[in-house]
Amino acid sequence: MSLINILDQSLLSGDLKFPLMDIVDRESEFTICADLPGVDKKDIELFIEDNMLTIKGEKKTVLTTATYSERSYGSFQRTITLPQNADINNISAEYRNGVLWVTVPKNIEISDTKIKVEIK
């Protein structure tokens, strides 16, 4: 299953998560773009465990009290399962202007073809 199919399933189930993400599936890599407006870089943690990529962090309040608020604050976490061909040892990330860019290189494609090996 591709990374994009995994995200599509969560959207179809109505299970919308924060941060919102875009994913681009290129020939040699996946690029994940996560919106994190108002989150300080030092408050973001990115890690891989059991072939799952997790973005974890906290958006801190800028006001101590508000009469009316539509903005959300607090801790967040989003975990996505990486495809089998993800090169988890070479993932890189950059944070700029409230957007986290994660590059996940692809390993050589895993072949689904069956190859018969002659026994001597």
PDB file of N, CA and C in Angstrom:
ATOM      1  N   MET A   1       0.841  -1.170   0.000  1.00  0.00           N
ATOM      2  CA  MET A   1       0.000   0.000   0.000  1.00  0.00           C
ATOM      3  C   MET A   1       0.891   1.239   0.000  1.00  0.00           C
ATOM      4  N   SER A   2       0.559   2.229  -0.798  1.00  0.00           N
ATOM      5  CA  SER A   2       1.388   3.420  -0.879  1.00  0.00           C
ATOM      6  C   SER A   2       1.066   4.378   0.262  1.00  0.00           C
ATOM      7  N   LEU A   3       1.986   5.294   0.499  1.00  0.00           N
ATOM      8  CA  LEU A   3       1.816   6.292   1.547  1.00  0.00           C
ATOM      9  C   LEU A   3       0.577   7.140   1.299  1.00  0.00           C
ATOM     10  N   ILE A   4       0.306   7.459   0.063  1.00  0.00           N
ATOM     11  CA  ILE A   4      -0.859   8.275  -0.284  1.00  0.00           C
ATOM     12  C   ILE A   4      -2.150   7.518  -0.009  1.00  0.00           C
ATOM     13  N   ASN A   5      -2.200   6.220  -0.309  1.00  0.00           N
ATOM     14  CA  ASN A   5      -3.391   5.417  -0.006  1.00  0.00           C
ATOM     15  C   ASN A   5      -3.668   5.374   1.485  1.00  0.00           C
ATOM     16  N   ILE A   6      -2.625   5.299   2.294  1.00  0.00           N
ATOM     17  CA  ILE A   6      -2.786   5.266   3.742  1.00  0.00           C
ATOM     18  C   ILE A   6      -3.445   6.553   4.223  1.00  0.00           C
ATOM     19  N   LEU A   7      -2.998   7.702   3.706  1.00  0.00           N
ATOM     20  CA  LEU A   7      -3.600   8.971   4.107  1.00  0.00           C
ATOM     21  C   LEU A   7      -5.020   9.091   3.581  1.00  0.00           C
ATOM     22  N   ASP A   8      -5.266   8.630   2.357  1.00  0.00           N
ATOM     23  CA  ASP A   8      -6.615   8.671   1.794  1.00  0.00           C
ATOM     24  C   ASP A   8      -7.597   7.913   2.665  1.00  0.00           C
ATOM     25  N   GLN A   9      -7.183   6.777   3.225  1.00  0.00           N
ATOM     26  CA  GLN A   9      -8.066   5.982   4.076  1.00  0.00           C
ATOM     27  C   GLN A   9      -8.480   6.767   5.320  1.00  0.00           C
ATOM     28  N   SER A  10      -7.555   7.512   5.924  1.00  0.00           N
ATOM     29  CA  SER A  10      -7.909   8.266   7.122  1.00  0.00           C
ATOM     30  C   SER A  10      -8.854   9.410   6.783  1.00  0.00           C
ATOM     31  N   LEU A  11      -8.718   9.996   5.616  1.00  0.00           N
ATOM     32  CA  LEU A  11      -9.621  11.076   5.212  1.00  0.00           C
ATOM     33  C   LEU A  11     -11.009  10.540   4.892  1.00  0.00           C
ATOM     34  N   LEU A  12     -11.075   9.381   4.222  1.00  0.00           N
ATOM     35  CA  LEU A  12     -12.366   8.798   3.878  1.00  0.00           C
ATOM     36  C   LEU A  12     -13.141   8.347   5.114  1.00  0.00           C
ATOM     37  N   SER A  13     -12.423   7.973   6.154  1.00  0.00           N
ATOM     38  CA  SER A  13     -13.090   7.543   7.375  1.00  0.00           C
ATOM     39  C   SER A  13     -13.571   8.725   8.209  1.00  0.00           C
ATOM     40  N   GLY A  14     -13.249   9.949   7.744  1.00  0.00           N
ATOM     41  CA  GLY A  14     -13.642  11.137   8.490  1.00  0.00           C
ATOM     42  C   GLY A  14     -12.728  11.414   9.662  1.00  0.00           C
ATOM     43  N   ASP A  15     -11.596  10.746   9.698  1.00  0.00           N
ATOM     44  CA  ASP A  15     -10.660  10.867  10.802  1.00  0.00           C
ATOM     45  C   ASP A  15      -9.580  11.885  10.446  1.00  0.00           C
ATOM     46  N   LEU A  16      -9.957  13.152  10.372  1.00  0.00           N
ATOM     47  CA  LEU A  16      -9.035  14.210   9.986  1.00  0.00           C
ATOM     48  C   LEU A  16      -8.113  14.529  11.160  1.00  0.00           C
ATOM     49  N   LYS A  17      -6.826  14.605  10.904  1.00  0.00           N
ATOM     50  CA  LYS A  17      -5.834  14.787  11.957  1.00  0.00           C
ATOM     51  C   LYS A  17      -5.094  16.110  11.794  1.00  0.00           C
ATOM     52  N   PHE A  18      -4.441  16.515  12.869  1.00  0.00           N
ATOM     53  CA  PHE A  18      -3.551  17.670  12.842  1.00  0.00           C
ATOM     54  C   PHE A  18      -2.149  17.163  13.137  1.00  0.00           C
ATOM     55  N   PRO A  19      -1.150  17.577  12.443  1.00  0.00           N
ATOM     56  CA  PRO A  19      -1.182  18.602  11.407  1.00  0.00           C
ATOM     57  C   PRO A  19      -1.678  18.068  10.067  1.00  0.00           C
ATOM     58  N   LEU A  20      -2.258  18.980   9.293  1.00  0.00           N
ATOM     59  CA  LEU A  20      -2.677  18.630   7.949  1.00  0.00           C
ATOM     60  C   LEU A  20      -1.440  18.453   7.083  1.00  0.00           C
ATOM     61  N   MET A  21      -1.506  17.500   6.138  1.00  0.00           N
ATOM     62  CA  MET A  21      -0.334  17.155   5.334  1.00  0.00           C
ATOM     63  C   MET A  21      -0.656  17.068   3.847  1.00  0.00           C
ATOM     64  N   ASP A  22       0.356  17.320   3.062  1.00  0.00           N
ATOM     65  CA  ASP A  22       0.370  16.990   1.641  1.00  0.00           C
ATOM     66  C   ASP A  22       1.523  16.024   1.447  1.00  0.00           C
ATOM     67  N   ILE A  23       1.360  15.088   0.507  1.00  0.00           N
ATOM     68  CA  ILE A  23       2.439  14.154   0.183  1.00  0.00           C
ATOM     69  C   ILE A  23       2.608  14.113  -1.322  1.00  0.00           C
ATOM     70  N   VAL A  24       3.853  14.198  -1.743  1.00  0.00           N
ATOM     71  CA  VAL A  24       4.182  14.066  -3.160  1.00  0.00           C
ATOM     72  C   VAL A  24       4.993  12.785  -3.315  1.00  0.00           C
ATOM     73  N   ASP A  25       4.537  11.898  -4.192  1.00  0.00           N
ATOM     74  CA  ASP A  25       5.219  10.635  -4.461  1.00  0.00           C
ATOM     75  C   ASP A  25       6.003  10.793  -5.752  1.00  0.00           C
ATOM     76  N   ARG A  26       7.317  10.962  -5.614  1.00  0.00           N
ATOM     77  CA  ARG A  26       8.194  11.100  -6.777  1.00  0.00           C
ATOM     78  C   ARG A  26       8.892   9.773  -7.039  1.00  0.00           C
ATOM     79  N   GLU A  27       9.594   9.700  -8.128  1.00  0.00           N
ATOM     80  CA  GLU A  27      10.261   8.459  -8.510  1.00  0.00           C
ATOM     81  C   GLU A  27      11.267   7.994  -7.455  1.00  0.00           C
ATOM     82  N   SER A  28      12.015   8.937  -6.875  1.00  0.00           N
ATOM     83  CA  SER A  28      13.081   8.547  -5.952  1.00  0.00           C
ATOM     84  C   SER A  28      12.804   8.881  -4.491  1.00  0.00           C
ATOM     85  N   GLU A  29      11.668   9.569  -4.207  1.00  0.00           N
ATOM     86  CA  GLU A  29      11.408   9.970  -2.831  1.00  0.00           C
ATOM     87  C   GLU A  29       9.953  10.353  -2.620  1.00  0.00           C
ATOM     88  N   PHE A  30       9.566  10.391  -1.346  1.00  0.00           N
ATOM     89  CA  PHE A  30       8.300  10.974  -0.925  1.00  0.00           C
ATOM     90  C   PHE A  30       8.638  12.300  -0.265  1.00  0.00           C
ATOM     91  N   THR A  31       7.848  13.319  -0.510  1.00  0.00           N
ATOM     92  CA  THR A  31       7.989  14.575   0.210  1.00  0.00           C
ATOM     93  C   THR A  31       6.709  14.799   0.993  1.00  0.00           C
ATOM     94  N   ILE A  32       6.858  14.976   2.294  1.00  0.00           N
ATOM     95  CA  ILE A  32       5.725  15.215   3.177  1.00  0.00           C
ATOM     96  C   ILE A  32       5.802  16.662   3.632  1.00  0.00           C
ATOM     97  N   CYS A  33       4.716  17.373   3.483  1.00  0.00           N
ATOM     98  CA  CYS A  33       4.635  18.777   3.864  1.00  0.00           C
ATOM     99  C   CYS A  33       3.544  18.900   4.925  1.00  0.00           C
ATOM    100  N   ALA A  34       3.921  19.297   6.146  1.00  0.00           N
ATOM    101  CA  ALA A  34       2.966  19.390   7.252  1.00  0.00           C
ATOM    102  C   ALA A  34       2.853  20.838   7.710  1.00  0.00           C
ATOM    103  N   ASP A  35       1.625  21.351   7.765  1.00  0.00           N
ATOM    104  CA  ASP A  35       1.383  22.714   8.230  1.00  0.00           C
ATOM    105  C   ASP A  35       1.421  22.765   9.747  1.00  0.00           C
ATOM    106  N   LEU A  36       2.305  23.603  10.276  1.00  0.00           N
ATOM    107  CA  LEU A  36       2.426  23.782  11.720  1.00  0.00           C
ATOM    108  C   LEU A  36       2.514  25.279  12.056  1.00  0.00           C
ATOM    109  N   PRO A  37       1.514  26.060  11.642  1.00  0.00           N
ATOM    110  CA  PRO A  37       1.597  27.506  11.886  1.00  0.00           C
ATOM    111  C   PRO A  37       1.585  27.817  13.375  1.00  0.00           C
ATOM    112  N   GLY A  38       2.447  28.743  13.765  1.00  0.00           N
ATOM    113  CA  GLY A  38       2.493  29.172  15.154  1.00  0.00           C
ATOM    114  C   GLY A  38       3.239  28.238  16.083  1.00  0.00           C
ATOM    115  N   VAL A  39       3.840  27.169  15.537  1.00  0.00           N
ATOM    116  CA  VAL A  39       4.583  26.215  16.364  1.00  0.00           C
ATOM    117  C   VAL A  39       6.068  26.535  16.236  1.00  0.00           C
ATOM    118  N   ASP A  40       6.738  26.670  17.371  1.00  0.00           N
ATOM    119  CA  ASP A  40       8.170  26.940  17.382  1.00  0.00           C
ATOM    120  C   ASP A  40       8.929  25.659  17.032  1.00  0.00           C
ATOM    121  N   LYS A  41      10.001  25.795  16.257  1.00  0.00           N
ATOM    122  CA  LYS A  41      10.795  24.637  15.822  1.00  0.00           C
ATOM    123  C   LYS A  41      11.256  23.781  17.005  1.00  0.00           C
ATOM    124  N   LYS A  42      11.603  24.413  18.119  1.00  0.00           N
ATOM    125  CA  LYS A  42      12.082  23.669  19.291  1.00  0.00           C
ATOM    126  C   LYS A  42      10.978  22.843  19.943  1.00  0.00           C
ATOM    127  N   ASP A  43       9.726  23.096  19.573  1.00  0.00           N
ATOM    128  CA  ASP A  43       8.596  22.358  20.143  1.00  0.00           C
ATOM    129  C   ASP A  43       8.105  21.233  19.233  1.00  0.00           C
ATOM    130  N   ILE A  44       8.903  20.891  18.211  1.00  0.00           N
ATOM    131  CA  ILE A  44       8.543  19.831  17.266  1.00  0.00           C
ATOM    132  C   ILE A  44       9.521  18.667  17.427  1.00  0.00           C
ATOM    133  N   GLU A  45       8.971  17.470  17.448  1.00  0.00           N
ATOM    134  CA  GLU A  45       9.783  16.253  17.501  1.00  0.00           C
ATOM    135  C   GLU A  45       9.368  15.371  16.329  1.00  0.00           C
ATOM    136  N   LEU A  46      10.346  14.834  15.633  1.00  0.00           N
ATOM    137  CA  LEU A  46      10.099  13.969  14.478  1.00  0.00           C
ATOM    138  C   LEU A  46      10.902  12.701  14.686  1.00  0.00           C
ATOM    139  N   PHE A  47      10.229  11.538  14.647  1.00  0.00           N
ATOM    140  CA  PHE A  47      10.962  10.296  14.846  1.00  0.00           C
ATOM    141  C   PHE A  47      10.311   9.146  14.076  1.00  0.00           C
ATOM    142  N   ILE A  48      11.114   8.091  13.874  1.00  0.00           N
ATOM    143  CA  ILE A  48      10.656   6.879  13.202  1.00  0.00           C
ATOM    144  C   ILE A  48      10.809   5.730  14.187  1.00  0.00           C
ATOM    145  N   GLU A  49       9.738   4.945  14.310  1.00  0.00           N
ATOM    146  CA  GLU A  49       9.762   3.775  15.171  1.00  0.00           C
ATOM    147  C   GLU A  49       8.866   2.717  14.536  1.00  0.00           C
ATOM    148  N   ASP A  50       9.392   1.507  14.369  1.00  0.00           N
ATOM    149  CA  ASP A  50       8.646   0.402  13.754  1.00  0.00           C
ATOM    150  C   ASP A  50       8.066   0.781  12.391  1.00  0.00           C
ATOM    151  N   ASN A  51       8.889   1.443  11.578  1.00  0.00           N
ATOM    152  CA  ASN A  51       8.517   1.867  10.222  1.00  0.00           C
ATOM    153  C   ASN A  51       7.339   2.854  10.202  1.00  0.00           C
ATOM    154  N   MET A  52       7.180   3.585  11.302  1.00  0.00           N
ATOM    155  CA  MET A  52       6.136   4.600  11.385  1.00  0.00           C
ATOM    156  C   MET A  52       6.786   5.946  11.683  1.00  0.00           C
ATOM    157  N   LEU A  53       6.387   6.972  10.922  1.00  0.00           N
ATOM    158  CA  LEU A  53       6.902   8.326  11.085  1.00  0.00           C
ATOM    159  C   LEU A  53       5.933   9.099  11.969  1.00  0.00           C
ATOM    160  N   THR A  54       6.453   9.710  13.031  1.00  0.00           N
ATOM    161  CA  THR A  54       5.617  10.470  13.953  1.00  0.00           C
ATOM    162  C   THR A  54       6.091  11.912  14.024  1.00  0.00           C
ATOM    163  N   ILE A  55       5.141  12.824  13.902  1.00  0.00           N
ATOM    164  CA  ILE A  55       5.368  14.243  14.137  1.00  0.00           C
ATOM    165  C   ILE A  55       4.636  14.563  15.439  1.00  0.00           C
ATOM    166  N   LYS A  56       5.379  15.081  16.398  1.00  0.00           N
ATOM    167  CA  LYS A  56       4.823  15.341  17.720  1.00  0.00           C
ATOM    168  C   LYS A  56       5.241  16.749  18.135  1.00  0.00           C
ATOM    169  N   GLY A  57       4.368  17.446  18.826  1.00  0.00           N
ATOM    170  CA  GLY A  57       4.753  18.771  19.262  1.00  0.00           C
ATOM    171  C   GLY A  57       3.700  19.449  20.098  1.00  0.00           C
ATOM    172  N   GLU A  58       3.921  20.748  20.275  1.00  0.00           N
ATOM    173  CA  GLU A  58       2.989  21.539  21.064  1.00  0.00           C
ATOM    174  C   GLU A  58       2.918  22.957  20.509  1.00  0.00           C
ATOM    175  N   LYS A  59       1.701  23.426  20.358  1.00  0.00           N
ATOM    176  CA  LYS A  59       1.473  24.819  19.976  1.00  0.00           C
ATOM    177  C   LYS A  59       1.091  25.556  21.250  1.00  0.00           C
ATOM    178  N   LYS A  60       1.961  26.471  21.639  1.00  0.00           N
ATOM    179  CA  LYS A  60       1.751  27.185  22.893  1.00  0.00           C
ATOM    180  C   LYS A  60       0.883  28.415  22.669  1.00  0.00           C
ATOM    181  N   THR A  61       0.089  28.733  23.665  1.00  0.00           N
ATOM    182  CA  THR A  61      -0.795  29.884  23.571  1.00  0.00           C
ATOM    183  C   THR A  61       0.003  31.188  23.601  1.00  0.00           C
ATOM    184  N   VAL A  62      -0.468  32.171  22.872  1.00  0.00           N
ATOM    185  CA  VAL A  62       0.189  33.476  22.872  1.00  0.00           C
ATOM    186  C   VAL A  62      -0.522  34.442  23.815  1.00  0.00           C
ATOM    187  N   LEU A  63      -1.742  34.112  24.188  1.00  0.00           N
ATOM    188  CA  LEU A  63      -2.510  34.933  25.126  1.00  0.00           C
ATOM    189  C   LEU A  63      -2.783  34.119  26.381  1.00  0.00           C
ATOM    190  N   THR A  64      -2.742  34.757  27.520  1.00  0.00           N
ATOM    191  CA  THR A  64      -3.023  34.024  28.759  1.00  0.00           C
ATOM    192  C   THR A  64      -4.515  33.753  28.904  1.00  0.00           C
ATOM    193  N   THR A  65      -5.338  34.688  28.478  1.00  0.00           N
ATOM    194  CA  THR A  65      -6.788  34.502  28.487  1.00  0.00           C
ATOM    195  C   THR A  65      -7.355  35.142  27.236  1.00  0.00           C
ATOM    196  N   ALA A  66      -8.456  34.607  26.781  1.00  0.00           N
ATOM    197  CA  ALA A  66      -9.133  35.189  25.621  1.00  0.00           C
ATOM    198  C   ALA A  66     -10.628  35.182  25.890  1.00  0.00           C
ATOM    199  N   THR A  67     -11.288  36.258  25.515  1.00  0.00           N
ATOM    200  CA  THR A  67     -12.737  36.316  25.665  1.00  0.00           C
ATOM    201  C   THR A  67     -13.397  35.365  24.677  1.00  0.00           C
ATOM    202  N   TYR A  68     -12.845  35.291  23.482  1.00  0.00           N
ATOM    203  CA  TYR A  68     -13.363  34.420  22.428  1.00  0.00           C
ATOM    204  C   TYR A  68     -12.165  33.884  21.656  1.00  0.00           C
ATOM    205  N   SER A  69     -12.151  32.595  21.354  1.00  0.00           N
ATOM    206  CA  SER A  69     -11.012  32.023  20.638  1.00  0.00           C
ATOM    207  C   SER A  69     -11.464  30.929  19.678  1.00  0.00           C
ATOM    208  N   GLU A  70     -10.963  30.991  18.457  1.00  0.00           N
ATOM    209  CA  GLU A  70     -11.173  29.934  17.459  1.00  0.00           C
ATOM    210  C   GLU A  70      -9.883  29.178  17.197  1.00  0.00           C
ATOM    211  N   ARG A  71      -8.803  29.629  17.776  1.00  0.00           N
ATOM    212  CA  ARG A  71      -7.499  29.019  17.549  1.00  0.00           C
ATOM    213  C   ARG A  71      -7.287  27.870  18.523  1.00  0.00           C
ATOM    214  N   SER A  72      -6.600  26.845  18.070  1.00  0.00           N
ATOM    215  CA  SER A  72      -6.349  25.701  18.941  1.00  0.00           C
ATOM    216  C   SER A  72      -4.899  25.719  19.420  1.00  0.00           C
ATOM    217  N   TYR A  73      -4.723  25.249  20.633  1.00  0.00           N
ATOM    218  CA  TYR A  73      -3.408  25.177  21.257  1.00  0.00           C
ATOM    219  C   TYR A  73      -3.271  23.829  21.938  1.00  0.00           C
ATOM    220  N   GLY A  74      -2.048  23.506  22.284  1.00  0.00           N
ATOM    221  CA  GLY A  74      -1.826  22.270  23.016  1.00  0.00           C
ATOM    222  C   GLY A  74      -0.959  21.293  22.254  1.00  0.00           C
ATOM    223  N   SER A  75      -0.899  20.097  22.799  1.00  0.00           N
ATOM    224  CA  SER A  75      -0.062  19.042  22.221  1.00  0.00           C
ATOM    225  C   SER A  75      -0.757  18.383  21.038  1.00  0.00           C
ATOM    226  N   PHE A  76       0.049  17.893  20.108  1.00  0.00           N
ATOM    227  CA  PHE A  76      -0.471  17.161  18.956  1.00  0.00           C
ATOM    228  C   PHE A  76       0.503  16.052  18.608  1.00  0.00           C
ATOM    229  N   GLN A  77      -0.019  15.061  17.905  1.00  0.00           N
ATOM    230  CA  GLN A  77       0.812  13.964  17.414  1.00  0.00           C
ATOM    231  C   GLN A  77       0.136  13.368  16.200  1.00  0.00           C
ATOM    232  N   ARG A  78       0.916  13.113  15.174  1.00  0.00           N
ATOM    233  CA  ARG A  78       0.407  12.480  13.957  1.00  0.00           C
ATOM    234  C   ARG A  78       1.399  11.416  13.549  1.00  0.00           C
ATOM    235  N   THR A  79       0.914  10.194  13.355  1.00  0.00           N
ATOM    236  CA  THR A  79       1.767   9.068  12.979  1.00  0.00           C
ATOM    237  C   THR A  79       1.247   8.459  11.686  1.00  0.00           C
ATOM    238  N   ILE A  80       2.152   8.226  10.752  1.00  0.00           N
ATOM    239  CA  ILE A  80       1.783   7.559   9.505  1.00  0.00           C
ATOM    240  C   ILE A  80       2.730   6.387   9.272  1.00  0.00           C
ATOM    241  N   THR A  81       2.199   5.324   8.718  1.00  0.00           N
ATOM    242  CA  THR A  81       2.996   4.151   8.387  1.00  0.00           C
ATOM    243  C   THR A  81       3.729   4.410   7.075  1.00  0.00           C
ATOM    244  N   LEU A  82       5.014   4.170   7.081  1.00  0.00           N
ATOM    245  CA  LEU A  82       5.810   4.357   5.868  1.00  0.00           C
ATOM    246  C   LEU A  82       5.718   3.105   5.002  1.00  0.00           C
ATOM    247  N   PRO A  83       5.776   3.277   3.683  1.00  0.00           N
ATOM    248  CA  PRO A  83       5.742   2.104   2.803  1.00  0.00           C
ATOM    249  C   PRO A  83       7.027   1.289   2.932  1.00  0.00           C
ATOM    250  N   GLN A  84       6.980   0.048   2.464  1.00  0.00           N
ATOM    251  CA  GLN A  84       8.125  -0.856   2.577  1.00  0.00           C
ATOM    252  C   GLN A  84       9.376  -0.327   1.888  1.00  0.00           C
ATOM    253  N   ASN A  85       9.201   0.462   0.848  1.00  0.00           N
ATOM    254  CA  ASN A  85      10.363   0.940   0.106  1.00  0.00           C
ATOM    255  C   ASN A  85      10.944   2.248   0.651  1.00  0.00           C
ATOM    256  N   ALA A  86      10.504   2.696   1.830  1.00  0.00           N
ATOM    257  CA  ALA A  86      11.051   3.911   2.440  1.00  0.00           C
ATOM    258  C   ALA A  86      12.442   3.634   3.002  1.00  0.00           C
ATOM    259  N   ASP A  87      13.381   4.509   2.692  1.00  0.00           N
ATOM    260  CA  ASP A  87      14.748   4.404   3.204  1.00  0.00           C
ATOM    261  C   ASP A  87      14.800   5.178   4.525  1.00  0.00           C
ATOM    262  N   ILE A  88      14.443   4.522   5.618  1.00  0.00           N
ATOM    263  CA  ILE A  88      14.283   5.219   6.897  1.00  0.00           C
ATOM    264  C   ILE A  88      15.606   5.722   7.485  1.00  0.00           C
ATOM    265  N   ASN A  89      16.723   5.245   6.981  1.00  0.00           N
ATOM    266  CA  ASN A  89      18.024   5.692   7.490  1.00  0.00           C
ATOM    267  C   ASN A  89      18.486   7.006   6.881  1.00  0.00           C
ATOM    268  N   ASN A  90      17.791   7.485   5.867  1.00  0.00           N
ATOM    269  CA  ASN A  90      18.224   8.709   5.186  1.00  0.00           C
ATOM    270  C   ASN A  90      17.128   9.769   5.100  1.00  0.00           C
ATOM    271  N   ILE A  91      16.190   9.753   6.024  1.00  0.00           N
ATOM    272  CA  ILE A  91      15.126  10.751   6.046  1.00  0.00           C
ATOM    273  C   ILE A  91      15.699  12.077   6.532  1.00  0.00           C
ATOM    274  N   SER A  92      15.275  13.159   5.890  1.00  0.00           N
ATOM    275  CA  SER A  92      15.719  14.490   6.309  1.00  0.00           C
ATOM    276  C   SER A  92      14.501  15.393   6.480  1.00  0.00           C
ATOM    277  N   ALA A  93      14.678  16.463   7.261  1.00  0.00           N
ATOM    278  CA  ALA A  93      13.567  17.370   7.521  1.00  0.00           C
ATOM    279  C   ALA A  93      14.072  18.802   7.630  1.00  0.00           C
ATOM    280  N   GLU A  94      13.186  19.726   7.256  1.00  0.00           N
ATOM    281  CA  GLU A  94      13.483  21.152   7.355  1.00  0.00           C
ATOM    282  C   GLU A  94      12.203  21.862   7.769  1.00  0.00           C
ATOM    283  N   TYR A  95      12.330  22.866   8.632  1.00  0.00           N
ATOM    284  CA  TYR A  95      11.176  23.626   9.106  1.00  0.00           C
ATOM    285  C   TYR A  95      11.385  25.088   8.737  1.00  0.00           C
ATOM    286  N   ARG A  96      10.443  25.632   7.971  1.00  0.00           N
ATOM    287  CA  ARG A  96      10.539  27.051   7.610  1.00  0.00           C
ATOM    288  C   ARG A  96       9.143  27.629   7.393  1.00  0.00           C
ATOM    289  N   ASN A  97       8.952  28.826   7.899  1.00  0.00           N
ATOM    290  CA  ASN A  97       7.700  29.564   7.735  1.00  0.00           C
ATOM    291  C   ASN A  97       6.464  28.769   8.160  1.00  0.00           C
ATOM    292  N   GLY A  98       6.576  28.019   9.255  1.00  0.00           N
ATOM    293  CA  GLY A  98       5.431  27.281   9.769  1.00  0.00           C
ATOM    294  C   GLY A  98       5.102  26.000   9.031  1.00  0.00           C
ATOM    295  N   VAL A  99       6.016  25.551   8.180  1.00  0.00           N
ATOM    296  CA  VAL A  99       5.797  24.320   7.406  1.00  0.00           C
ATOM    297  C   VAL A  99       6.973  23.375   7.625  1.00  0.00           C
ATOM    298  N   LEU A 100       6.646  22.114   7.965  1.00  0.00           N
ATOM    299  CA  LEU A 100       7.664  21.079   8.123  1.00  0.00           C
ATOM    300  C   LEU A 100       7.744  20.276   6.826  1.00  0.00           C
ATOM    301  N   TRP A 101       8.925  20.236   6.239  1.00  0.00           N
ATOM    302  CA  TRP A 101       9.175  19.489   5.002  1.00  0.00           C
ATOM    303  C   TRP A 101       9.993  18.254   5.353  1.00  0.00           C
ATOM    304  N   VAL A 102       9.460  17.075   5.074  1.00  0.00           N
ATOM    305  CA  VAL A 102      10.152  15.822   5.367  1.00  0.00           C
ATOM    306  C   VAL A 102      10.382  15.101   4.038  1.00  0.00           C
ATOM    307  N   THR A 103      11.635  14.737   3.790  1.00  0.00           N
ATOM    308  CA  THR A 103      11.986  14.003   2.574  1.00  0.00           C
ATOM    309  C   THR A 103      12.316  12.563   2.956  1.00  0.00           C
ATOM    310  N   VAL A 104      11.582  11.624   2.360  1.00  0.00           N
ATOM    311  CA  VAL A 104      11.771  10.200   2.619  1.00  0.00           C
ATOM    312  C   VAL A 104      12.252   9.553   1.321  1.00  0.00           C
ATOM    313  N   PRO A 105      13.559   9.290   1.216  1.00  0.00           N
ATOM    314  CA  PRO A 105      14.059   8.635   0.006  1.00  0.00           C
ATOM    315  C   PRO A 105      13.480   7.219  -0.118  1.00  0.00           C
ATOM    316  N   LYS A 106      13.452   6.735  -1.350  1.00  0.00           N
ATOM    317  CA  LYS A 106      12.980   5.374  -1.600  1.00  0.00           C
ATOM    318  C   LYS A 106      14.168   4.445  -1.799  1.00  0.00           C
ATOM    319  N   ASN A 107      14.048   3.238  -1.273  1.00  0.00           N
ATOM    320  CA  ASN A 107      15.007   2.187  -1.574  1.00  0.00           C
ATOM    321  C   ASN A 107      14.705   1.667  -2.974  1.00  0.00           C
ATOM    322  N   ILE A 108      15.592   0.817  -3.477  1.00  0.00           N
ATOM    323  CA  ILE A 108      15.319   0.166  -4.756  1.00  0.00           C
ATOM    324  C   ILE A 108      13.993  -0.564  -4.621  1.00  0.00           C
ATOM    325  N   GLU A 109      13.155  -0.445  -5.624  1.00  0.00           N
ATOM    326  CA  GLU A 109      11.822  -1.051  -5.574  1.00  0.00           C
ATOM    327  C   GLU A 109      11.891  -2.526  -5.198  1.00  0.00           C
ATOM    328  N   ILE A 110      10.985  -2.917  -4.345  1.00  0.00           N
ATOM    329  CA  ILE A 110      10.870  -4.319  -3.953  1.00  0.00           C
ATOM    330  C   ILE A 110      10.098  -5.042  -5.051  1.00  0.00           C
ATOM    331  N   SER A 111      10.681  -6.089  -5.559  1.00  0.00           N
ATOM    332  CA  SER A 111      10.065  -6.813  -6.668  1.00  0.00           C
ATOM    333  C   SER A 111       8.989  -7.766  -6.170  1.00  0.00           C
ATOM    334  N   ASP A 112       7.835  -7.726  -6.834  1.00  0.00           N
ATOM    335  CA  ASP A 112       6.757  -8.658  -6.525  1.00  0.00           C
ATOM    336  C   ASP A 112       6.780  -9.863  -7.460  1.00  0.00           C
ATOM    337  N   THR A 113       7.749  -9.873  -8.362  1.00  0.00           N
ATOM    338  CA  THR A 113       7.799 -10.970  -9.326  1.00  0.00           C
ATOM    339  C   THR A 113       8.440 -12.195  -8.689  1.00  0.00           C
ATOM    340  N   LYS A 114       7.991 -13.336  -9.147  1.00  0.00           N
ATOM    341  CA  LYS A 114       8.508 -14.606  -8.642  1.00  0.00           C
ATOM    342  C   LYS A 114       9.622 -15.065  -9.578  1.00  0.00           C
ATOM    343  N   ILE A 115      10.770 -15.384  -8.991  1.00  0.00           N
ATOM    344  CA  ILE A 115      11.911 -15.835  -9.768  1.00  0.00           C
ATOM    345  C   ILE A 115      12.224 -17.254  -9.334  1.00  0.00           C
ATOM    346  N   LYS A 116      12.253 -18.147 -10.314  1.00  0.00           N
ATOM    347  CA  LYS A 116      12.576 -19.532 -10.011  1.00  0.00           C
ATOM    348  C   LYS A 116      14.107 -19.680  -9.987  1.00  0.00           C
ATOM    349  N   VAL A 117      14.595 -20.319  -8.925  1.00  0.00           N
ATOM    350  CA  VAL A 117      16.019 -20.540  -8.780  1.00  0.00           C
ATOM    351  C   VAL A 117      16.276 -22.025  -9.003  1.00  0.00           C
ATOM    352  N   GLU A 118      17.185 -22.301  -9.916  1.00  0.00           N
ATOM    353  CA  GLU A 118      17.503 -23.684 -10.239  1.00  0.00           C
ATOM    354  C   GLU A 118      18.312 -24.297  -9.097  1.00  0.00           C
ATOM    355  N   ILE A 119      17.940 -25.500  -8.716  1.00  0.00           N
ATOM    356  CA  ILE A 119      18.631 -26.223  -7.670  1.00  0.00           C
ATOM    357  C   ILE A 119      19.608 -27.179  -8.336  1.00  0.00           C
ATOM    358  N   LYS A 120      20.872 -27.109  -7.953  1.00  0.00           N
ATOM    359  CA  LYS A 120      21.894 -27.963  -8.558  1.00  0.00           C
ATOM    360  C   LYS A 120      22.274 -29.083  -7.647  1.00  0.00           C
TER     361      LYS A 120
END
